[in-house]
Amino acid sequence: MSAPTQKWVTLGRVSGVFGVKGWVKIQSYTEPRGNIVTFGVWTLRLRGADQVFDVEDGHGDAGSVAAKLRGIDDRDRAREWVGADIVIERERLPAIAPDEYYWTDLEGLEVRTTAGLVLGTVDRLLATGGHDVLVLAGTPERMIPFVVGRVVKRVDLEARLIEVDWSADY
């Protein structure tokens, strides 16, 4: 039996440089945005190559996040990493309550109605003001509100299934 495949989670991307001492601007996908700097070690993925960096320092506010990575000590070196994805191993994400889910764990799950009709597979999720939305792959894309209890009746990560009370006509 082979070892399980490592699952990587994209936390953000390097969007620019910040100052002249090697700091990088970060587009963070974490919530809140500044949490991205708390992971301590990032893998930067750029053009098919990965490189691991220790996060020396970082700060974030409502609008932006910046980080200083060990070994990147000037603006030119920082510029080389603009566009890189910031990824970590899935296992490094903090534990969550049994009724909570990371988006990355929902992507790829089959969505089926309570009557057993397969609606599709989760391609991605969207954050809206009121609730998150499952976006199912296909043409046209199908969008289903991720409202536990009212719409989402069951999430079974082991069976890779989300059961919903939703009409196929929507």
N, C-alpha and C. Protein backbone atom coordinates (compact mmCIF):
# COMPACT_ATOMS: atom_id res chain seq x y z
N MET A 1 0.85 -1.17 0.00
CA MET A 1 0.00 0.00 0.00
C MET A 1 0.90 1.23 0.00
N SER A 2 0.58 2.21 -0.85
CA SER A 2 1.41 3.41 -0.96
C SER A 2 1.01 4.45 0.09
N ALA A 3 1.94 5.34 0.38
CA ALA A 3 1.69 6.41 1.35
C ALA A 3 0.68 7.38 0.77
N PRO A 4 -0.15 8.01 1.64
CA PRO A 4 -1.12 8.98 1.13
C PRO A 4 -0.41 10.17 0.49
N THR A 5 -1.06 10.73 -0.51
CA THR A 5 -0.52 11.90 -1.19
C THR A 5 -0.64 13.12 -0.28
N GLN A 6 0.44 13.89 -0.20
CA GLN A 6 0.45 15.10 0.61
C GLN A 6 -0.53 16.11 0.02
N LYS A 7 -1.41 16.67 0.84
CA LYS A 7 -2.34 17.69 0.38
C LYS A 7 -1.80 19.06 0.77
N TRP A 8 -1.72 19.94 -0.19
CA TRP A 8 -1.22 21.29 0.01
C TRP A 8 -2.39 22.26 0.00
N VAL A 9 -2.29 23.29 0.84
CA VAL A 9 -3.31 24.33 0.94
C VAL A 9 -2.66 25.66 0.59
N THR A 10 -3.27 26.39 -0.32
CA THR A 10 -2.76 27.71 -0.68
C THR A 10 -3.32 28.73 0.30
N LEU A 11 -2.41 29.39 1.03
CA LEU A 11 -2.81 30.40 2.02
C LEU A 11 -2.84 31.81 1.44
N GLY A 12 -2.17 32.00 0.31
CA GLY A 12 -2.10 33.33 -0.29
C GLY A 12 -1.07 33.35 -1.39
N ARG A 13 -0.67 34.58 -1.77
CA ARG A 13 0.37 34.70 -2.79
C ARG A 13 1.16 35.98 -2.56
N VAL A 14 2.39 35.97 -3.04
CA VAL A 14 3.24 37.14 -2.95
C VAL A 14 2.79 38.09 -4.06
N SER A 15 2.34 39.29 -3.66
CA SER A 15 1.76 40.21 -4.64
C SER A 15 2.67 41.39 -4.99
N GLY A 16 3.76 41.57 -4.23
CA GLY A 16 4.65 42.68 -4.53
C GLY A 16 5.76 42.77 -3.50
N VAL A 17 6.53 43.83 -3.59
CA VAL A 17 7.61 44.07 -2.62
C VAL A 17 7.20 45.22 -1.71
N PHE A 18 7.83 45.23 -0.53
CA PHE A 18 7.48 46.23 0.48
C PHE A 18 8.79 46.76 1.06
N GLY A 19 9.16 47.97 0.69
CA GLY A 19 10.40 48.56 1.19
C GLY A 19 11.62 48.04 0.46
N VAL A 20 12.80 48.27 1.07
CA VAL A 20 14.06 47.91 0.41
C VAL A 20 14.81 46.81 1.13
N LYS A 21 14.27 46.28 2.24
CA LYS A 21 15.00 45.30 3.05
C LYS A 21 14.51 43.86 2.85
N GLY A 22 13.83 43.61 1.74
CA GLY A 22 13.44 42.24 1.42
C GLY A 22 12.05 41.83 1.85
N TRP A 23 11.27 42.75 2.37
CA TRP A 23 9.90 42.41 2.75
C TRP A 23 9.05 42.22 1.49
N VAL A 24 8.04 41.35 1.61
CA VAL A 24 7.12 41.11 0.50
C VAL A 24 5.70 41.45 0.93
N LYS A 25 4.92 41.95 -0.03
CA LYS A 25 3.49 42.17 0.18
C LYS A 25 2.78 40.85 -0.07
N ILE A 26 1.75 40.61 0.71
CA ILE A 26 1.04 39.33 0.64
C ILE A 26 -0.44 39.56 0.36
N GLN A 27 -0.98 38.80 -0.58
CA GLN A 27 -2.42 38.70 -0.76
C GLN A 27 -2.82 37.46 0.04
N SER A 28 -3.43 37.67 1.19
CA SER A 28 -3.74 36.57 2.10
C SER A 28 -5.15 36.05 1.87
N TYR A 29 -5.27 34.72 1.87
CA TYR A 29 -6.58 34.08 1.76
C TYR A 29 -7.08 33.61 3.13
N THR A 30 -6.31 33.88 4.19
CA THR A 30 -6.72 33.46 5.53
C THR A 30 -7.71 34.46 6.10
N GLU A 31 -8.39 34.03 7.15
CA GLU A 31 -9.36 34.90 7.81
C GLU A 31 -9.10 34.87 9.30
N PRO A 32 -8.72 35.96 9.93
CA PRO A 32 -8.41 37.24 9.33
C PRO A 32 -7.12 37.19 8.51
N ARG A 33 -6.95 38.15 7.65
CA ARG A 33 -5.83 38.15 6.69
C ARG A 33 -4.47 38.04 7.35
N GLY A 34 -4.28 38.72 8.47
CA GLY A 34 -2.99 38.72 9.15
C GLY A 34 -2.58 37.37 9.72
N ASN A 35 -3.50 36.42 9.83
CA ASN A 35 -3.16 35.09 10.36
C ASN A 35 -2.12 34.36 9.53
N ILE A 36 -1.96 34.74 8.29
CA ILE A 36 -1.02 34.03 7.41
C ILE A 36 0.40 34.07 7.97
N VAL A 37 0.77 35.15 8.66
CA VAL A 37 2.14 35.24 9.16
C VAL A 37 2.37 34.37 10.39
N THR A 38 1.33 33.84 10.99
CA THR A 38 1.49 33.02 12.19
C THR A 38 1.92 31.59 11.88
N PHE A 39 1.96 31.20 10.62
CA PHE A 39 2.32 29.82 10.29
C PHE A 39 3.81 29.54 10.41
N GLY A 40 4.64 30.59 10.45
CA GLY A 40 6.06 30.42 10.76
C GLY A 40 6.94 29.93 9.64
N VAL A 41 6.49 28.96 8.89
CA VAL A 41 7.25 28.41 7.76
C VAL A 41 6.30 28.31 6.57
N TRP A 42 6.74 28.89 5.45
CA TRP A 42 5.95 28.82 4.22
C TRP A 42 6.75 28.10 3.15
N THR A 43 6.03 27.46 2.26
CA THR A 43 6.62 26.99 1.01
C THR A 43 6.12 27.94 -0.07
N LEU A 44 7.07 28.56 -0.79
CA LEU A 44 6.70 29.41 -1.92
C LEU A 44 6.79 28.56 -3.17
N ARG A 45 5.73 28.57 -3.95
CA ARG A 45 5.63 27.77 -5.18
C ARG A 45 5.56 28.72 -6.36
N LEU A 46 6.58 28.65 -7.22
CA LEU A 46 6.65 29.54 -8.37
C LEU A 46 7.19 28.78 -9.57
N ARG A 47 6.46 28.84 -10.67
CA ARG A 47 6.85 28.18 -11.92
C ARG A 47 7.24 26.71 -11.70
N GLY A 48 6.45 26.00 -10.92
CA GLY A 48 6.65 24.57 -10.72
C GLY A 48 7.73 24.20 -9.71
N ALA A 49 8.38 25.16 -9.10
CA ALA A 49 9.42 24.87 -8.11
C ALA A 49 8.98 25.36 -6.74
N ASP A 50 9.36 24.63 -5.71
CA ASP A 50 9.04 24.98 -4.33
C ASP A 50 10.31 25.35 -3.58
N GLN A 51 10.19 26.35 -2.69
CA GLN A 51 11.28 26.68 -1.79
C GLN A 51 10.68 27.03 -0.43
N VAL A 52 11.28 26.50 0.63
CA VAL A 52 10.79 26.70 1.99
C VAL A 52 11.49 27.91 2.61
N PHE A 53 10.71 28.76 3.28
CA PHE A 53 11.24 29.94 3.96
C PHE A 53 10.67 30.03 5.37
N ASP A 54 11.50 30.45 6.32
CA ASP A 54 11.04 30.80 7.65
C ASP A 54 10.50 32.22 7.59
N VAL A 55 9.38 32.46 8.24
CA VAL A 55 8.83 33.80 8.34
C VAL A 55 9.50 34.47 9.55
N GLU A 56 10.35 35.46 9.29
CA GLU A 56 11.06 36.16 10.36
C GLU A 56 10.17 37.16 11.08
N ASP A 57 9.33 37.84 10.33
CA ASP A 57 8.49 38.88 10.89
C ASP A 57 7.33 39.12 9.94
N GLY A 58 6.30 39.73 10.43
CA GLY A 58 5.17 40.05 9.57
C GLY A 58 4.17 40.91 10.30
N HIS A 59 3.37 41.58 9.54
CA HIS A 59 2.29 42.39 10.11
C HIS A 59 1.18 42.51 9.09
N GLY A 60 0.00 42.70 9.63
CA GLY A 60 -1.15 42.86 8.76
C GLY A 60 -2.18 43.74 9.40
N ASP A 61 -2.96 44.36 8.57
CA ASP A 61 -4.11 45.13 9.04
C ASP A 61 -5.27 44.79 8.12
N ALA A 62 -6.33 45.56 8.20
CA ALA A 62 -7.52 45.25 7.40
C ALA A 62 -7.25 45.23 5.91
N GLY A 63 -6.28 46.04 5.45
CA GLY A 63 -6.07 46.16 4.02
C GLY A 63 -4.89 45.42 3.44
N SER A 64 -3.84 45.19 4.23
CA SER A 64 -2.65 44.59 3.63
C SER A 64 -1.86 43.79 4.64
N VAL A 65 -1.02 42.91 4.11
CA VAL A 65 -0.13 42.08 4.92
C VAL A 65 1.25 42.15 4.29
N ALA A 66 2.27 42.23 5.13
CA ALA A 66 3.66 42.20 4.65
C ALA A 66 4.43 41.24 5.53
N ALA A 67 5.45 40.60 4.93
CA ALA A 67 6.25 39.63 5.67
C ALA A 67 7.70 39.73 5.28
N LYS A 68 8.56 39.39 6.24
CA LYS A 68 9.99 39.31 6.01
C LYS A 68 10.36 37.84 6.12
N LEU A 69 10.94 37.29 5.04
CA LEU A 69 11.32 35.89 4.98
C LEU A 69 12.83 35.75 5.11
N ARG A 70 13.28 34.80 5.92
CA ARG A 70 14.71 34.56 6.12
C ARG A 70 15.38 34.24 4.78
N GLY A 71 16.46 34.94 4.49
CA GLY A 71 17.21 34.72 3.27
C GLY A 71 16.84 35.67 2.14
N ILE A 72 15.78 36.42 2.33
CA ILE A 72 15.40 37.44 1.34
C ILE A 72 15.68 38.78 2.01
N ASP A 73 16.81 39.39 1.65
CA ASP A 73 17.28 40.55 2.40
C ASP A 73 17.34 41.85 1.60
N ASP A 74 16.89 41.82 0.35
CA ASP A 74 16.86 43.08 -0.40
C ASP A 74 15.69 43.05 -1.38
N ARG A 75 15.39 44.21 -1.91
CA ARG A 75 14.24 44.38 -2.79
C ARG A 75 14.33 43.51 -4.05
N ASP A 76 15.53 43.41 -4.63
CA ASP A 76 15.68 42.60 -5.85
C ASP A 76 15.37 41.13 -5.59
N ARG A 77 15.87 40.60 -4.48
CA ARG A 77 15.62 39.19 -4.14
C ARG A 77 14.12 38.99 -3.86
N ALA A 78 13.50 39.96 -3.19
CA ALA A 78 12.06 39.87 -2.91
C ALA A 78 11.26 39.87 -4.21
N ARG A 79 11.67 40.70 -5.16
CA ARG A 79 10.96 40.81 -6.44
C ARG A 79 10.94 39.47 -7.19
N GLU A 80 11.97 38.64 -7.01
CA GLU A 80 12.02 37.33 -7.68
C GLU A 80 10.85 36.43 -7.29
N TRP A 81 10.22 36.69 -6.13
CA TRP A 81 9.16 35.82 -5.64
C TRP A 81 7.76 36.38 -5.88
N VAL A 82 7.65 37.54 -6.53
CA VAL A 82 6.33 38.10 -6.82
C VAL A 82 5.58 37.12 -7.74
N GLY A 83 4.36 36.81 -7.36
CA GLY A 83 3.54 35.85 -8.10
C GLY A 83 3.56 34.46 -7.51
N ALA A 84 4.44 34.20 -6.54
CA ALA A 84 4.53 32.86 -5.94
C ALA A 84 3.32 32.59 -5.06
N ASP A 85 2.82 31.36 -5.11
CA ASP A 85 1.79 30.92 -4.18
C ASP A 85 2.45 30.58 -2.85
N ILE A 86 1.76 30.85 -1.77
CA ILE A 86 2.21 30.50 -0.42
C ILE A 86 1.40 29.27 -0.03
N VAL A 87 2.08 28.13 0.14
CA VAL A 87 1.39 26.89 0.44
C VAL A 87 1.96 26.26 1.71
N ILE A 88 1.10 25.49 2.38
CA ILE A 88 1.52 24.69 3.53
C ILE A 88 0.87 23.32 3.42
N GLU A 89 1.36 22.37 4.19
CA GLU A 89 0.74 21.05 4.25
C GLU A 89 -0.59 21.17 4.99
N ARG A 90 -1.60 20.48 4.52
CA ARG A 90 -2.95 20.51 5.11
C ARG A 90 -2.90 20.20 6.61
N GLU A 91 -2.03 19.30 7.01
CA GLU A 91 -1.95 18.88 8.41
C GLU A 91 -1.54 20.02 9.34
N ARG A 92 -0.96 21.09 8.80
CA ARG A 92 -0.52 22.20 9.64
C ARG A 92 -1.63 23.19 9.97
N LEU A 93 -2.79 23.04 9.37
CA LEU A 93 -3.91 23.92 9.71
C LEU A 93 -4.39 23.58 11.12
N PRO A 94 -4.80 24.58 11.88
CA PRO A 94 -5.28 24.33 13.24
C PRO A 94 -6.51 23.42 13.25
N ALA A 95 -6.67 22.67 14.33
CA ALA A 95 -7.85 21.81 14.49
C ALA A 95 -9.09 22.70 14.58
N ILE A 96 -10.19 22.18 14.08
CA ILE A 96 -11.45 22.91 14.14
C ILE A 96 -12.52 22.03 14.77
N ALA A 97 -13.63 22.64 15.14
CA ALA A 97 -14.75 21.92 15.75
C ALA A 97 -15.34 20.93 14.75
N PRO A 98 -15.97 19.87 15.25
CA PRO A 98 -16.55 18.85 14.36
C PRO A 98 -17.55 19.38 13.35
N ASP A 99 -18.24 20.48 13.65
CA ASP A 99 -19.24 21.02 12.73
C ASP A 99 -18.70 22.18 11.90
N GLU A 100 -17.37 22.35 11.87
CA GLU A 100 -16.73 23.37 11.04
C GLU A 100 -15.91 22.69 9.96
N TYR A 101 -15.68 23.42 8.85
CA TYR A 101 -14.96 22.84 7.72
C TYR A 101 -14.03 23.85 7.10
N TYR A 102 -12.86 23.40 6.71
CA TYR A 102 -12.00 24.21 5.87
C TYR A 102 -12.49 24.06 4.44
N TRP A 103 -12.48 25.17 3.70
CA TRP A 103 -12.90 25.11 2.31
C TRP A 103 -12.14 24.04 1.55
N THR A 104 -10.85 23.94 1.78
CA THR A 104 -10.03 22.99 1.05
C THR A 104 -10.52 21.55 1.22
N ASP A 105 -11.17 21.26 2.37
CA ASP A 105 -11.68 19.91 2.60
C ASP A 105 -13.00 19.66 1.87
N LEU A 106 -13.69 20.73 1.49
CA LEU A 106 -14.97 20.57 0.79
C LEU A 106 -14.78 20.50 -0.73
N GLU A 107 -13.69 21.06 -1.22
CA GLU A 107 -13.44 21.05 -2.66
C GLU A 107 -13.26 19.61 -3.14
N GLY A 108 -13.95 19.28 -4.22
CA GLY A 108 -13.88 17.94 -4.78
C GLY A 108 -14.94 16.98 -4.27
N LEU A 109 -15.71 17.37 -3.26
CA LEU A 109 -16.76 16.50 -2.74
C LEU A 109 -17.96 16.48 -3.68
N GLU A 110 -18.59 15.32 -3.76
CA GLU A 110 -19.81 15.19 -4.55
C GLU A 110 -20.97 15.81 -3.77
N VAL A 111 -21.85 16.51 -4.47
CA VAL A 111 -23.03 17.11 -3.86
C VAL A 111 -24.25 16.36 -4.39
N ARG A 112 -25.06 15.88 -3.45
CA ARG A 112 -26.21 15.06 -3.79
C ARG A 112 -27.42 15.57 -3.01
N THR A 113 -28.59 15.55 -3.64
CA THR A 113 -29.82 15.96 -2.95
C THR A 113 -30.22 14.89 -1.93
N THR A 114 -31.13 15.26 -1.04
CA THR A 114 -31.63 14.29 -0.05
C THR A 114 -32.38 13.15 -0.75
N ALA A 115 -32.81 13.37 -1.99
CA ALA A 115 -33.48 12.32 -2.77
C ALA A 115 -32.48 11.44 -3.52
N GLY A 116 -31.19 11.77 -3.44
CA GLY A 116 -30.17 10.94 -4.07
C GLY A 116 -29.70 11.40 -5.43
N LEU A 117 -30.19 12.53 -5.93
CA LEU A 117 -29.80 13.04 -7.24
C LEU A 117 -28.44 13.75 -7.13
N VAL A 118 -27.48 13.35 -7.95
CA VAL A 118 -26.16 13.97 -7.95
C VAL A 118 -26.24 15.30 -8.69
N LEU A 119 -25.84 16.38 -8.00
CA LEU A 119 -25.87 17.72 -8.59
C LEU A 119 -24.52 18.11 -9.18
N GLY A 120 -23.46 17.50 -8.71
CA GLY A 120 -22.13 17.84 -9.21
C GLY A 120 -21.07 17.71 -8.14
N THR A 121 -19.92 18.29 -8.42
CA THR A 121 -18.77 18.25 -7.53
C THR A 121 -18.35 19.67 -7.19
N VAL A 122 -17.98 19.89 -5.92
CA VAL A 122 -17.57 21.22 -5.49
C VAL A 122 -16.27 21.60 -6.18
N ASP A 123 -16.32 22.67 -6.95
CA ASP A 123 -15.13 23.20 -7.62
C ASP A 123 -14.41 24.19 -6.71
N ARG A 124 -15.20 25.06 -6.08
CA ARG A 124 -14.64 26.08 -5.19
C ARG A 124 -15.77 26.64 -4.34
N LEU A 125 -15.40 27.52 -3.42
CA LEU A 125 -16.39 28.21 -2.60
C LEU A 125 -16.20 29.70 -2.74
N LEU A 126 -17.28 30.43 -2.51
CA LEU A 126 -17.25 31.89 -2.54
C LEU A 126 -17.72 32.41 -1.20
N ALA A 127 -17.11 33.47 -0.74
CA ALA A 127 -17.57 34.15 0.47
C ALA A 127 -18.49 35.28 0.05
N THR A 128 -19.66 35.32 0.64
CA THR A 128 -20.58 36.43 0.42
C THR A 128 -20.83 37.07 1.77
N GLY A 129 -21.52 38.15 1.79
CA GLY A 129 -21.79 38.82 3.06
C GLY A 129 -22.57 37.97 4.04
N GLY A 130 -23.51 37.18 3.54
CA GLY A 130 -24.39 36.43 4.42
C GLY A 130 -23.92 35.02 4.74
N HIS A 131 -23.38 34.34 3.75
CA HIS A 131 -22.97 32.95 3.93
C HIS A 131 -22.04 32.56 2.78
N ASP A 132 -21.36 31.44 2.96
CA ASP A 132 -20.51 30.93 1.89
C ASP A 132 -21.38 30.23 0.85
N VAL A 133 -20.84 30.08 -0.36
CA VAL A 133 -21.57 29.46 -1.46
C VAL A 133 -20.70 28.38 -2.09
N LEU A 134 -21.28 27.18 -2.25
CA LEU A 134 -20.62 26.09 -2.97
C LEU A 134 -20.78 26.37 -4.46
N VAL A 135 -19.70 26.30 -5.21
CA VAL A 135 -19.76 26.44 -6.66
C VAL A 135 -19.43 25.07 -7.24
N LEU A 136 -20.39 24.48 -7.93
CA LEU A 136 -20.21 23.14 -8.49
C LEU A 136 -19.68 23.25 -9.91
N ALA A 137 -18.78 22.35 -10.25
CA ALA A 137 -18.21 22.32 -11.59
C ALA A 137 -19.30 21.95 -12.59
N GLY A 138 -19.16 22.44 -13.80
CA GLY A 138 -20.10 22.11 -14.86
C GLY A 138 -20.52 23.33 -15.63
N THR A 139 -21.28 23.08 -16.71
CA THR A 139 -21.78 24.16 -17.53
C THR A 139 -23.29 24.01 -17.59
N PRO A 140 -24.05 24.94 -17.10
CA PRO A 140 -23.56 26.11 -16.38
C PRO A 140 -23.15 25.72 -14.96
N GLU A 141 -22.38 26.60 -14.33
CA GLU A 141 -22.01 26.36 -12.94
C GLU A 141 -23.27 26.42 -12.08
N ARG A 142 -23.28 25.58 -11.07
CA ARG A 142 -24.41 25.58 -10.14
C ARG A 142 -23.89 26.14 -8.81
N MET A 143 -24.66 27.03 -8.19
CA MET A 143 -24.27 27.63 -6.91
C MET A 143 -25.30 27.27 -5.86
N ILE A 144 -24.79 26.80 -4.71
CA ILE A 144 -25.67 26.37 -3.63
C ILE A 144 -25.19 27.03 -2.34
N PRO A 145 -26.07 27.70 -1.61
CA PRO A 145 -25.64 28.32 -0.36
C PRO A 145 -25.22 27.26 0.66
N PHE A 146 -24.08 27.51 1.32
CA PHE A 146 -23.61 26.58 2.33
C PHE A 146 -24.20 27.01 3.68
N VAL A 147 -25.47 26.68 3.84
CA VAL A 147 -26.20 27.01 5.06
C VAL A 147 -26.54 25.68 5.74
N VAL A 148 -25.76 25.36 6.77
CA VAL A 148 -25.93 24.09 7.46
C VAL A 148 -27.27 24.07 8.18
N GLY A 149 -27.96 22.96 8.03
CA GLY A 149 -29.27 22.79 8.65
C GLY A 149 -30.38 23.07 7.68
N ARG A 150 -30.38 24.26 7.11
CA ARG A 150 -31.45 24.64 6.19
C ARG A 150 -31.24 24.06 4.80
N VAL A 151 -30.05 24.19 4.25
CA VAL A 151 -29.75 23.68 2.90
C VAL A 151 -28.83 22.46 2.98
N VAL A 152 -27.72 22.62 3.66
CA VAL A 152 -26.75 21.52 3.79
C VAL A 152 -27.19 20.64 4.95
N LYS A 153 -27.58 19.43 4.62
CA LYS A 153 -28.11 18.51 5.63
C LYS A 153 -27.01 17.64 6.24
N ARG A 154 -25.98 17.33 5.44
CA ARG A 154 -24.94 16.44 5.95
C ARG A 154 -23.67 16.64 5.15
N VAL A 155 -22.55 16.66 5.87
CA VAL A 155 -21.23 16.67 5.24
C VAL A 155 -20.51 15.44 5.76
N ASP A 156 -20.10 14.57 4.85
CA ASP A 156 -19.37 13.36 5.22
C ASP A 156 -18.03 13.40 4.49
N LEU A 157 -17.00 13.87 5.20
CA LEU A 157 -15.69 13.99 4.57
C LEU A 157 -15.12 12.65 4.17
N GLU A 158 -15.35 11.61 4.98
CA GLU A 158 -14.82 10.28 4.64
C GLU A 158 -15.47 9.73 3.38
N ALA A 159 -16.77 9.92 3.23
CA ALA A 159 -17.48 9.45 2.04
C ALA A 159 -17.35 10.44 0.89
N ARG A 160 -16.75 11.60 1.15
CA ARG A 160 -16.55 12.66 0.16
C ARG A 160 -17.90 13.10 -0.43
N LEU A 161 -18.84 13.40 0.49
CA LEU A 161 -20.21 13.69 0.10
C LEU A 161 -20.79 14.85 0.91
N ILE A 162 -21.53 15.71 0.20
CA ILE A 162 -22.34 16.74 0.84
C ILE A 162 -23.78 16.49 0.39
N GLU A 163 -24.66 16.32 1.37
CA GLU A 163 -26.08 16.10 1.07
C GLU A 163 -26.82 17.41 1.30
N VAL A 164 -27.64 17.81 0.31
CA VAL A 164 -28.33 19.09 0.38
C VAL A 164 -29.82 18.94 0.13
N ASP A 165 -30.59 19.84 0.72
CA ASP A 165 -32.02 19.96 0.42
C ASP A 165 -32.10 21.09 -0.60
N TRP A 166 -32.03 20.71 -1.89
CA TRP A 166 -31.92 21.68 -2.97
C TRP A 166 -32.54 21.11 -4.22
N SER A 167 -33.21 21.92 -4.97
CA SER A 167 -33.86 21.46 -6.19
C SER A 167 -32.87 21.43 -7.35
N ALA A 168 -32.96 20.43 -8.18
CA ALA A 168 -32.11 20.33 -9.37
C ALA A 168 -32.44 21.44 -10.37
N ASP A 169 -33.59 22.08 -10.21
CA ASP A 169 -34.00 23.14 -11.13
C ASP A 169 -33.35 24.49 -10.84
N TYR A 170 -32.71 24.63 -9.69
CA TYR A 170 -32.08 25.91 -9.33
C TYR A 170 -30.76 26.05 -10.04
